[in-house]
Amino acid sequence: PACVLGIDLGTTSVKAALLVGAERGQVVAESCSRETQAHTISLEAGPQGMEQNVQRIIRALNECLAALPQQQLQRVTHIGISGQMHGIVFWKRDNGCKWTECGTGPAFEPEEVSHLITWQDGRCSPTFLSSLPLPQSHISLATGFGCATVYWYLKKSPDFLKPYDAAGTIHDYVVAMLCDLKKPVMSVQNAASWGYFNSRNKSWNTEILKKSGFPVHLLPEVGDPGSIAGSTVCAWHGIPKGAKVGIALGDFQCSVYSCLTERTDAVLNISTSAQLTVSMPPGFQPPETPDPSSAVTYFPYFSGDYLAVAASLNGGNVLATFVDMVARWTEELGLQVQESAIYTKIIKAALAQNDSKLSIHPTVFGERHLPQQLASVTHIAVSDLSLGHVTRALCRGIVENLCSMLPVQHLTETGVRRVLGSGSALARNEVLRQEVERIFPFPVVYGKDVDAAVGAAMVM
């Protein structure tokens, strides 16, 4: 049977998944993950910069594919690729890579390629962003967005851009190399995440950009997610030459696609950060201009649809910060307790407390729409100061914060009937699950595996 290969180029790791057809649809036959260990120092932006070495990312990708069974790779007919949105990498069209022989057949290695400037890059300060022309887009421009990064180089280090004549996300780069595309092609999903892109007419804000001297020749062509970008120009780790390669997709959209089966489902993911996502009705169009104070962003999805996303910067990382605080307090008192032991004990203590009058607003990391907002604790009573009370209130606060961004009433109005719960923090923490069930008036289903590599393969 034919196989479909899904690849996700993440912030810390590369994942590959092989899907084969079965009676109940596609199933994952094999998967493999490798850490990239690609973080590197930014020479131009200093500590504000967040860059990754593309050679290391591709090495991790090659290691992933080399670990998959050769006989199944030889049956791959389609390849779907997703990756971290917003980020940007520059390359020279004719020298973007070189193909070499390795143990599992031909593979490509990056040649004249810049570092990847990631979505976490912080070089564009609010002052710098406010000096840029206003985009015609429904998404507010932010640091880490591809077009904002190009403007930064244009103003701060113009010589940097001179050697390059192509740009894209890291996954656009991989698609361009596999298919030997003379001009990279980018999905609407990735283009919207770069800024200066009008999702309604699927075009870059070319006139606005040209007027301010932006190098518009670097902008990729744009196509619909789910369409084919080209075919492999070479056998690749045993994958036959001529395998169809899809246009690169957003990792978030692919993660949702891997688990969302009904329009009436909402997806709640609590890992390091947290997201609450719901499909908008068919035909929905986002507003012409963004509302910077809005907690909800509309992401282009598939078939012209949109996802409403409340993306919180505060999830499992808040609990990790709390555990770290408790560990440091005990250390200052002359005691040594492992953080893993603290985690187990605070959850056990919270399970013994069914309720807590404490109210914790857990936004220690701020939020994109309220960057200055800090955390707070109110309704402090003597009766509610135990570790169990505090942990219970903290878990509730994390869920309530997400619901303040995308209220339950809004979910009801859009026809939500069920919540799909996923993510490592939710899987490991029964108190968090109890609070989700207390706050959402819908059935909650857990254990749905949110996997961008699988989603990328399913789209194909």
Protein backbone atom coordinates (compact mmCIF):
# COMPACT_ATOMS: atom_id res chain seq x y z
CA PRO A 1 0.00 0.00 0.00
CA ALA A 2 1.06 3.58 -0.67
CA CYS A 3 2.41 5.66 2.23
CA VAL A 4 2.16 9.35 3.05
CA LEU A 5 5.05 11.00 4.90
CA GLY A 6 4.30 13.85 7.33
CA ILE A 7 7.11 16.08 8.64
CA ASP A 8 6.99 18.77 11.32
CA LEU A 9 9.97 21.11 11.75
CA GLY A 10 9.43 22.33 15.30
CA THR A 11 11.15 24.83 17.58
CA THR A 12 13.10 22.13 19.44
CA SER A 13 12.66 18.95 17.42
CA VAL A 14 11.90 17.47 14.02
CA LYS A 15 9.23 14.78 13.80
CA ALA A 16 8.37 12.45 10.91
CA ALA A 17 5.34 10.17 10.68
CA LEU A 18 4.43 7.55 8.05
CA LEU A 19 0.71 7.07 7.45
CA VAL A 20 -0.79 4.08 5.65
CA GLY A 21 -4.37 3.50 4.57
CA ALA A 22 -6.47 1.16 6.70
CA GLU A 23 -10.15 0.18 6.90
CA ARG A 24 -10.86 2.97 9.39
CA GLY A 25 -8.90 5.61 7.47
CA GLN A 26 -5.22 6.45 7.78
CA VAL A 27 -3.14 5.08 10.64
CA VAL A 28 0.36 5.95 11.81
CA ALA A 29 2.63 3.05 10.81
CA GLU A 30 5.93 4.55 12.04
CA SER A 31 7.13 7.80 13.58
CA CYS A 32 10.43 9.25 14.67
CA SER A 33 11.57 12.40 16.47
CA ARG A 34 15.00 14.04 16.82
CA GLU A 35 16.00 17.11 18.84
CA THR A 36 17.57 19.77 16.65
CA GLN A 37 19.80 21.45 19.30
CA ALA A 38 19.95 24.26 16.75
CA HIS A 39 19.85 27.40 18.93
CA THR A 40 22.69 29.75 18.08
CA ILE A 41 23.88 33.27 18.91
CA SER A 42 22.56 36.17 16.86
CA LEU A 43 25.49 38.31 15.71
CA GLU A 44 23.29 41.23 14.60
CA ALA A 45 20.53 41.27 17.24
CA GLY A 46 22.43 40.15 20.36
CA PRO A 47 20.46 38.75 23.31
CA GLN A 48 17.11 39.89 21.83
CA GLY A 49 17.67 37.67 18.81
CA MET A 50 16.43 34.10 18.65
CA GLU A 51 18.12 32.21 15.83
CA GLN A 52 18.68 28.59 14.83
CA ASN A 53 21.31 26.90 12.70
CA VAL A 54 19.61 25.53 9.56
CA GLN A 55 22.36 22.90 9.01
CA ARG A 56 21.50 21.35 12.39
CA ILE A 57 17.76 21.35 11.66
CA ILE A 58 18.33 19.55 8.34
CA ARG A 59 20.75 17.13 10.03
CA ALA A 60 17.99 16.23 12.53
CA LEU A 61 15.57 15.81 9.60
CA ASN A 62 18.01 13.49 7.79
CA GLU A 63 18.53 11.46 11.00
CA CYS A 64 14.75 11.14 11.41
CA LEU A 65 14.25 9.83 7.88
CA ALA A 66 17.25 7.49 8.10
CA ALA A 67 15.62 5.90 11.18
CA LEU A 68 12.36 5.08 9.35
CA PRO A 69 11.97 1.68 7.58
CA GLN A 70 13.39 1.84 4.04
CA GLN A 71 10.77 -0.48 2.56
CA GLN A 72 8.00 1.90 3.68
CA LEU A 73 9.82 5.05 2.54
CA GLN A 74 10.08 3.45 -0.92
CA ARG A 75 6.26 3.40 -1.04
CA VAL A 76 5.82 7.11 -0.23
CA THR A 77 3.75 8.89 -2.91
CA HIS A 78 3.02 12.18 -1.07
CA ILE A 79 4.89 14.33 1.46
CA GLY A 80 3.19 16.87 3.77
CA ILE A 81 5.40 19.35 5.66
CA SER A 82 4.53 21.71 8.52
CA GLY A 83 6.64 23.86 10.81
CA GLN A 84 6.94 26.82 13.13
CA MET A 85 5.10 29.78 11.66
CA HIS A 86 6.16 33.47 11.65
CA GLY A 87 9.92 32.68 11.37
CA ILE A 88 12.09 33.44 8.34
CA VAL A 89 15.16 32.01 6.60
CA PHE A 90 16.98 33.51 3.58
CA TRP A 91 18.81 31.62 0.81
CA LYS A 92 20.40 31.90 -2.63
CA ARG A 93 18.07 30.36 -5.19
CA ASP A 94 20.65 28.46 -7.24
CA ASN A 95 22.83 27.51 -4.26
CA GLY A 96 20.30 26.80 -1.51
CA CYS A 97 21.56 23.24 -1.03
CA LYS A 98 23.75 20.47 -2.44
CA TRP A 99 22.66 16.85 -2.87
CA THR A 100 25.01 14.18 -1.56
CA GLU A 101 24.92 10.39 -1.14
CA CYS A 102 24.38 9.08 2.38
CA GLY A 103 23.71 5.58 3.76
CA THR A 104 20.02 5.68 2.85
CA GLY A 105 20.37 7.29 -0.59
CA PRO A 106 20.57 10.93 -1.76
CA ALA A 107 19.96 13.72 0.79
CA PHE A 108 20.37 17.50 0.61
CA GLU A 109 22.54 19.70 2.81
CA PRO A 110 22.08 23.49 3.16
CA GLU A 111 24.62 25.68 1.36
CA GLU A 112 24.10 29.44 0.97
CA VAL A 113 21.45 29.80 3.68
CA SER A 114 21.10 32.24 6.60
CA HIS A 115 20.21 31.27 10.14
CA LEU A 116 16.50 30.75 10.82
CA ILE A 117 15.19 33.77 12.74
CA THR A 118 12.43 32.11 14.78
CA TRP A 119 8.94 33.14 15.90
CA GLN A 120 10.39 33.76 19.39
CA ASP A 121 12.78 36.46 18.10
CA GLY A 122 12.51 39.67 20.13
CA ARG A 123 14.62 42.15 18.12
CA CYS A 124 11.65 44.25 16.93
CA SER A 125 10.76 46.47 19.90
CA PRO A 126 7.27 48.06 20.19
CA THR A 127 8.89 51.39 19.20
CA PHE A 128 10.46 49.83 16.11
CA LEU A 129 7.17 48.14 15.12
CA SER A 130 5.25 51.41 15.50
CA SER A 131 7.71 53.07 13.06
CA LEU A 132 6.71 50.62 10.28
CA PRO A 133 3.90 51.24 7.75
CA LEU A 134 0.47 50.02 8.84
CA PRO A 135 -0.34 46.63 7.22
CA GLN A 136 -3.59 45.78 5.42
CA SER A 137 -4.12 42.60 7.39
CA HIS A 138 -6.46 41.20 10.02
CA ILE A 139 -3.48 40.16 12.19
CA SER A 140 -1.48 42.68 14.25
CA LEU A 141 2.22 42.83 13.37
CA ALA A 142 4.53 41.46 16.08
CA THR A 143 8.22 40.80 16.65
CA GLY A 144 9.25 37.43 15.19
CA PHE A 145 6.98 37.90 12.12
CA GLY A 146 8.91 37.36 8.85
CA CYS A 147 8.16 40.78 7.29
CA ALA A 148 8.99 42.63 10.53
CA THR A 149 12.37 40.84 10.61
CA VAL A 150 13.09 41.88 6.99
CA TYR A 151 12.33 45.52 7.94
CA TRP A 152 14.71 45.20 10.90
CA TYR A 153 17.57 44.06 8.63
CA LEU A 154 16.69 46.74 6.08
CA LYS A 155 17.07 49.46 8.73
CA LYS A 156 19.74 48.03 11.05
CA SER A 157 21.92 45.78 8.88
CA PRO A 158 21.09 46.25 5.16
CA ASP A 159 24.22 44.44 3.91
CA PHE A 160 22.93 41.22 5.48
CA LEU A 161 20.16 40.91 2.84
CA LYS A 162 22.37 41.48 -0.22
CA PRO A 163 23.58 37.87 -0.85
CA TYR A 164 20.04 36.41 -0.78
CA ASP A 165 17.30 36.33 -3.41
CA ALA A 166 14.75 34.01 -1.74
CA ALA A 167 13.09 33.73 1.66
CA GLY A 168 10.47 31.64 3.42
CA THR A 169 9.73 29.77 6.63
CA ILE A 170 12.02 26.83 7.44
CA HIS A 171 9.41 24.42 6.03
CA ASP A 172 9.03 26.53 2.85
CA TYR A 173 12.80 26.19 2.43
CA VAL A 174 12.64 22.37 2.69
CA VAL A 175 9.80 22.22 0.11
CA ALA A 176 11.77 24.51 -2.25
CA MET A 177 14.89 22.31 -1.97
CA LEU A 178 13.01 19.02 -2.46
CA CYS A 179 11.20 20.33 -5.55
CA ASP A 180 14.01 22.62 -6.83
CA LEU A 181 11.58 25.55 -6.96
CA LYS A 182 13.09 28.62 -8.62
CA LYS A 183 10.70 30.81 -6.60
CA PRO A 184 9.49 29.49 -3.25
CA VAL A 185 5.75 29.00 -2.78
CA MET A 186 4.08 29.61 0.58
CA SER A 187 0.65 28.68 1.93
CA VAL A 188 -1.91 31.31 2.94
CA GLN A 189 -1.41 30.01 6.52
CA ASN A 190 2.30 30.90 6.59
CA ALA A 191 1.83 34.15 4.63
CA ALA A 192 -0.74 35.43 7.16
CA SER A 193 1.75 34.65 9.94
CA TRP A 194 4.41 36.89 8.32
CA GLY A 195 2.36 40.10 8.41
CA TYR A 196 1.55 42.44 5.46
CA PHE A 197 -0.70 39.79 3.91
CA ASN A 198 -4.37 40.27 3.08
CA SER A 199 -6.11 36.93 3.69
CA ARG A 200 -9.32 38.08 1.97
CA ASN A 201 -7.72 38.57 -1.45
CA LYS A 202 -4.76 36.23 -0.73
CA SER A 203 -2.12 38.79 -1.65
CA TRP A 204 0.83 40.62 -0.12
CA ASN A 205 0.49 44.35 0.66
CA THR A 206 2.86 44.96 -2.27
CA GLU A 207 2.11 48.67 -2.75
CA ILE A 208 2.52 49.49 0.96
CA LEU A 209 5.77 47.49 1.09
CA LYS A 210 7.24 48.96 -2.14
CA LYS A 211 6.65 52.54 -0.94
CA SER A 212 8.81 51.94 2.13
CA GLY A 213 11.65 50.30 0.18
CA PHE A 214 10.87 46.71 1.27
CA PRO A 215 12.62 44.10 -0.95
CA VAL A 216 9.40 42.61 -2.38
CA HIS A 217 11.41 40.23 -4.63
CA LEU A 218 12.05 38.17 -1.47
CA LEU A 219 8.34 37.46 -0.95
CA PRO A 220 7.29 33.94 -1.98
CA GLU A 221 4.35 33.18 -4.26
CA VAL A 222 1.26 32.17 -2.29
CA GLY A 223 -0.98 29.12 -2.76
CA ASP A 224 -3.82 27.35 -0.98
CA PRO A 225 -3.04 24.98 1.90
CA GLY A 226 -3.53 21.41 0.74
CA SER A 227 -2.32 22.10 -2.81
CA ILE A 228 0.81 20.55 -4.35
CA ALA A 229 4.00 22.66 -4.53
CA GLY A 230 5.90 20.25 -6.81
CA SER A 231 7.58 16.84 -6.95
CA THR A 232 10.84 15.52 -5.50
CA VAL A 233 13.62 16.12 -8.06
CA CYS A 234 15.71 13.33 -6.62
CA ALA A 235 15.22 10.11 -4.67
CA TRP A 236 15.41 11.20 -1.02
CA HIS A 237 16.34 8.64 1.67
CA GLY A 238 14.73 5.99 -0.53
CA ILE A 239 11.57 8.05 -1.22
CA PRO A 240 11.12 7.79 -5.00
CA LYS A 241 11.88 10.69 -7.32
CA GLY A 242 8.62 12.31 -8.41
CA ALA A 243 6.80 11.98 -5.05
CA LYS A 244 4.27 14.82 -4.71
CA VAL A 245 5.18 17.48 -2.12
CA GLY A 246 2.46 19.64 -0.58
CA ILE A 247 2.82 23.37 -0.02
CA ALA A 248 4.25 23.90 3.52
CA LEU A 249 1.63 24.33 6.25
CA GLY A 250 1.36 25.98 9.67
CA ASP A 251 2.16 23.66 12.58
CA PHE A 252 -0.76 24.98 14.62
CA GLN A 253 -3.31 24.30 11.86
CA CYS A 254 -1.87 20.80 11.32
CA SER A 255 -2.02 20.03 15.05
CA VAL A 256 -5.70 20.98 15.08
CA TYR A 257 -6.34 19.04 11.84
CA SER A 258 -4.87 15.89 13.41
CA CYS A 259 -7.62 15.76 16.06
CA LEU A 260 -10.54 17.97 14.98
CA THR A 261 -13.19 15.83 13.28
CA GLU A 262 -16.37 17.83 13.87
CA ARG A 263 -17.04 21.54 13.46
CA THR A 264 -18.86 21.36 16.79
CA ASP A 265 -15.62 20.42 18.61
CA ALA A 266 -13.39 22.94 20.38
CA VAL A 267 -9.73 22.01 20.96
CA LEU A 268 -8.19 22.84 24.34
CA ASN A 269 -4.43 22.30 24.50
CA ILE A 270 -2.47 22.94 27.71
CA SER A 271 1.25 22.24 27.39
CA THR A 272 3.93 24.83 28.15
CA SER A 273 1.51 27.51 26.94
CA ALA A 274 -2.23 27.04 26.31
CA GLN A 275 -4.62 27.39 23.38
CA LEU A 276 -8.37 27.22 23.00
CA THR A 277 -9.52 26.85 19.40
CA VAL A 278 -12.84 26.68 17.61
CA SER A 279 -13.76 26.49 13.90
CA MET A 280 -15.56 29.53 12.56
CA PRO A 281 -18.71 28.93 10.45
CA PRO A 282 -18.22 28.44 6.67
CA GLY A 283 -18.00 31.77 4.84
CA PHE A 284 -16.68 33.64 7.91
CA GLN A 285 -14.29 36.47 7.05
CA PRO A 286 -12.09 38.15 9.67
CA PRO A 287 -12.37 41.92 10.18
CA GLU A 288 -10.42 44.11 7.74
CA THR A 289 -8.19 45.52 10.48
CA PRO A 290 -6.95 43.90 13.69
CA ASP A 291 -8.10 44.87 17.15
CA PRO A 292 -4.80 44.96 19.13
CA SER A 293 -6.69 44.59 22.42
CA SER A 294 -8.53 41.44 21.27
CA ALA A 295 -7.41 38.15 22.84
CA VAL A 296 -8.65 36.14 19.83
CA THR A 297 -6.74 35.75 16.55
CA TYR A 298 -8.27 34.30 13.38
CA PHE A 299 -5.91 31.84 11.67
CA PRO A 300 -6.50 30.75 8.05
CA TYR A 301 -7.31 27.02 8.16
CA PHE A 302 -8.21 24.77 5.20
CA SER A 303 -10.76 25.17 2.35
CA GLY A 304 -11.08 28.91 3.03
CA ASP A 305 -12.14 28.37 6.64
CA TYR A 306 -10.77 30.12 9.74
CA LEU A 307 -9.96 29.06 13.30
CA ALA A 308 -10.67 31.41 16.21
CA VAL A 309 -7.70 30.98 18.54
CA ALA A 310 -7.14 32.21 22.08
CA ALA A 311 -3.41 31.60 22.46
CA SER A 312 -2.34 32.17 26.06
CA LEU A 313 1.30 32.54 27.10
CA ASN A 314 0.34 31.03 30.48
CA GLY A 315 -0.17 27.26 30.75
CA GLY A 316 1.95 24.49 32.21
CA ASN A 317 4.81 27.00 32.50
CA VAL A 318 2.86 28.74 35.32
CA LEU A 319 2.69 25.50 37.32
CA ALA A 320 6.40 24.90 36.62
CA THR A 321 7.15 28.41 37.96
CA PHE A 322 5.11 27.68 41.10
CA VAL A 323 6.93 24.36 41.65
CA ASP A 324 10.27 26.12 41.16
CA MET A 325 9.26 28.75 43.75
CA VAL A 326 8.31 26.07 46.30
CA ALA A 327 11.62 24.26 45.63
CA ARG A 328 13.62 27.43 46.21
CA TRP A 329 11.72 28.26 49.41
CA THR A 330 12.40 24.79 50.83
CA GLU A 331 16.07 25.13 49.83
CA GLU A 332 16.29 28.48 51.65
CA LEU A 333 14.87 26.72 54.72
CA GLY A 334 17.75 24.24 54.50
CA LEU A 335 15.79 21.35 52.98
CA GLN A 336 16.24 19.54 49.66
CA VAL A 337 13.18 18.32 47.75
CA GLN A 338 13.20 17.17 44.12
CA GLU A 339 10.91 19.24 41.86
CA SER A 340 9.25 16.05 40.56
CA ALA A 341 8.36 15.11 44.18
CA ILE A 342 6.91 18.60 44.77
CA TYR A 343 4.76 18.22 41.64
CA THR A 344 3.32 14.90 42.85
CA LYS A 345 2.66 16.25 46.37
CA ILE A 346 0.96 19.51 45.36
CA ILE A 347 -1.41 17.67 42.98
CA LYS A 348 -2.24 15.14 45.72
CA ALA A 349 -2.87 17.99 48.18
CA ALA A 350 -5.11 19.82 45.67
CA LEU A 351 -7.13 16.65 45.00
CA ALA A 352 -7.96 16.60 48.73
CA GLN A 353 -9.36 20.17 48.49
CA ASN A 354 -12.48 20.20 46.38
CA ASP A 355 -12.71 23.98 46.40
CA SER A 356 -10.76 27.13 47.26
CA LYS A 357 -11.98 30.69 47.86
CA LEU A 358 -8.59 31.97 46.67
CA SER A 359 -8.65 33.67 43.29
CA ILE A 360 -5.40 33.52 41.29
CA HIS A 361 -4.95 35.43 38.07
CA PRO A 362 -1.97 33.42 36.74
CA THR A 363 -0.57 35.70 34.00
CA VAL A 364 3.07 35.76 35.20
CA PHE A 365 4.17 35.77 31.54
CA GLY A 366 1.74 38.52 30.45
CA GLU A 367 -0.38 38.02 27.32
CA ARG A 368 0.19 39.17 23.73
CA HIS A 369 -2.85 41.46 23.87
CA LEU A 370 -1.89 42.68 27.40
CA PRO A 371 1.93 42.45 27.54
CA GLN A 372 2.17 44.54 30.74
CA GLN A 373 -0.32 42.40 32.68
CA LEU A 374 1.14 40.55 35.68
CA ALA A 375 -0.29 37.88 37.99
CA SER A 376 -2.31 38.56 41.15
CA VAL A 377 -3.86 36.71 44.10
CA THR A 378 -7.08 37.94 45.77
CA HIS A 379 -9.67 36.69 48.28
CA ILE A 380 -6.94 35.48 50.60
CA ALA A 381 -8.51 33.93 53.72
CA VAL A 382 -6.75 32.19 56.63
CA SER A 383 -8.76 29.02 55.90
CA ASP A 384 -7.41 28.74 52.32
CA LEU A 385 -3.65 28.98 52.74
CA SER A 386 -2.74 25.29 52.47
CA LEU A 387 -0.66 24.00 49.55
CA GLY A 388 -3.78 22.15 48.35
CA HIS A 389 -5.93 25.31 48.33
CA VAL A 390 -3.28 27.33 46.47
CA THR A 391 -2.64 24.61 43.86
CA ARG A 392 -6.38 24.13 43.29
CA ALA A 393 -6.84 27.91 42.81
CA LEU A 394 -3.83 28.09 40.48
CA CYS A 395 -5.14 25.30 38.24
CA ARG A 396 -8.55 26.95 38.12
CA GLY A 397 -6.91 30.30 37.30
CA ILE A 398 -5.11 28.84 34.26
CA VAL A 399 -8.39 27.53 32.82
CA GLU A 400 -10.36 30.69 33.74
CA ASN A 401 -7.74 32.87 32.07
CA LEU A 402 -8.17 30.97 28.78
CA CYS A 403 -11.97 31.27 29.13
CA SER A 404 -11.68 35.02 29.68
CA MET A 405 -9.92 35.18 26.29
CA LEU A 406 -12.48 33.05 24.42
CA PRO A 407 -15.62 32.96 26.64
CA VAL A 408 -17.82 29.87 27.00
CA GLN A 409 -20.79 31.97 25.76
CA HIS A 410 -18.92 32.54 22.47
CA LEU A 411 -18.25 28.79 22.15
CA THR A 412 -21.96 28.08 22.71
CA GLU A 413 -22.92 30.68 20.08
CA THR A 414 -20.62 29.07 17.50
CA GLY A 415 -22.29 25.71 18.14
CA VAL A 416 -19.62 23.93 20.22
CA ARG A 417 -20.89 20.66 21.71
CA ARG A 418 -17.69 19.00 22.90
CA VAL A 419 -14.17 19.91 24.05
CA LEU A 420 -11.15 17.86 22.96
CA GLY A 421 -8.51 18.13 25.69
CA SER A 422 -4.86 17.59 24.83
CA GLY A 423 -1.35 18.56 25.88
CA SER A 424 1.22 17.33 28.39
CA ALA A 425 0.09 19.55 31.31
CA LEU A 426 -3.51 18.37 30.98
CA ALA A 427 -2.46 14.72 30.64
CA ARG A 428 -0.33 14.79 33.83
CA ASN A 429 -2.55 16.89 36.09
CA GLU A 430 -5.90 15.55 37.33
CA VAL A 431 -6.69 18.82 39.17
CA LEU A 432 -6.38 20.75 35.89
CA ARG A 433 -8.75 18.24 34.23
CA GLN A 434 -11.27 18.64 37.09
CA GLU A 435 -11.20 22.42 36.68
CA VAL A 436 -11.69 22.11 32.89
CA GLU A 437 -14.77 19.95 33.53
CA ARG A 438 -16.05 22.37 36.18
CA ILE A 439 -15.74 25.43 33.92
CA PHE A 440 -16.81 24.08 30.50
CA PRO A 441 -20.51 23.13 30.21
CA PHE A 442 -19.70 20.55 27.49
CA PRO A 443 -18.47 16.94 27.58
CA VAL A 444 -14.64 16.87 27.62
CA VAL A 445 -12.78 14.10 25.75
CA TYR A 446 -9.10 13.54 26.56
CA GLY A 447 -6.30 11.61 24.92
CA LYS A 448 -6.62 13.07 21.44
CA ASP A 449 -3.05 13.19 20.21
CA VAL A 450 -2.32 16.61 18.76
CA ASP A 451 0.44 16.00 16.24
CA ALA A 452 1.48 18.44 13.52
CA ALA A 453 3.46 15.81 11.54
CA VAL A 454 0.42 13.50 11.46
CA GLY A 455 -1.85 16.43 10.54
CA ALA A 456 0.49 17.44 7.67
CA ALA A 457 0.31 13.87 6.30
CA MET A 458 -3.50 13.70 6.71
CA VAL A 459 -3.93 16.88 4.64
CA MET A 460 -2.21 15.15 1.72
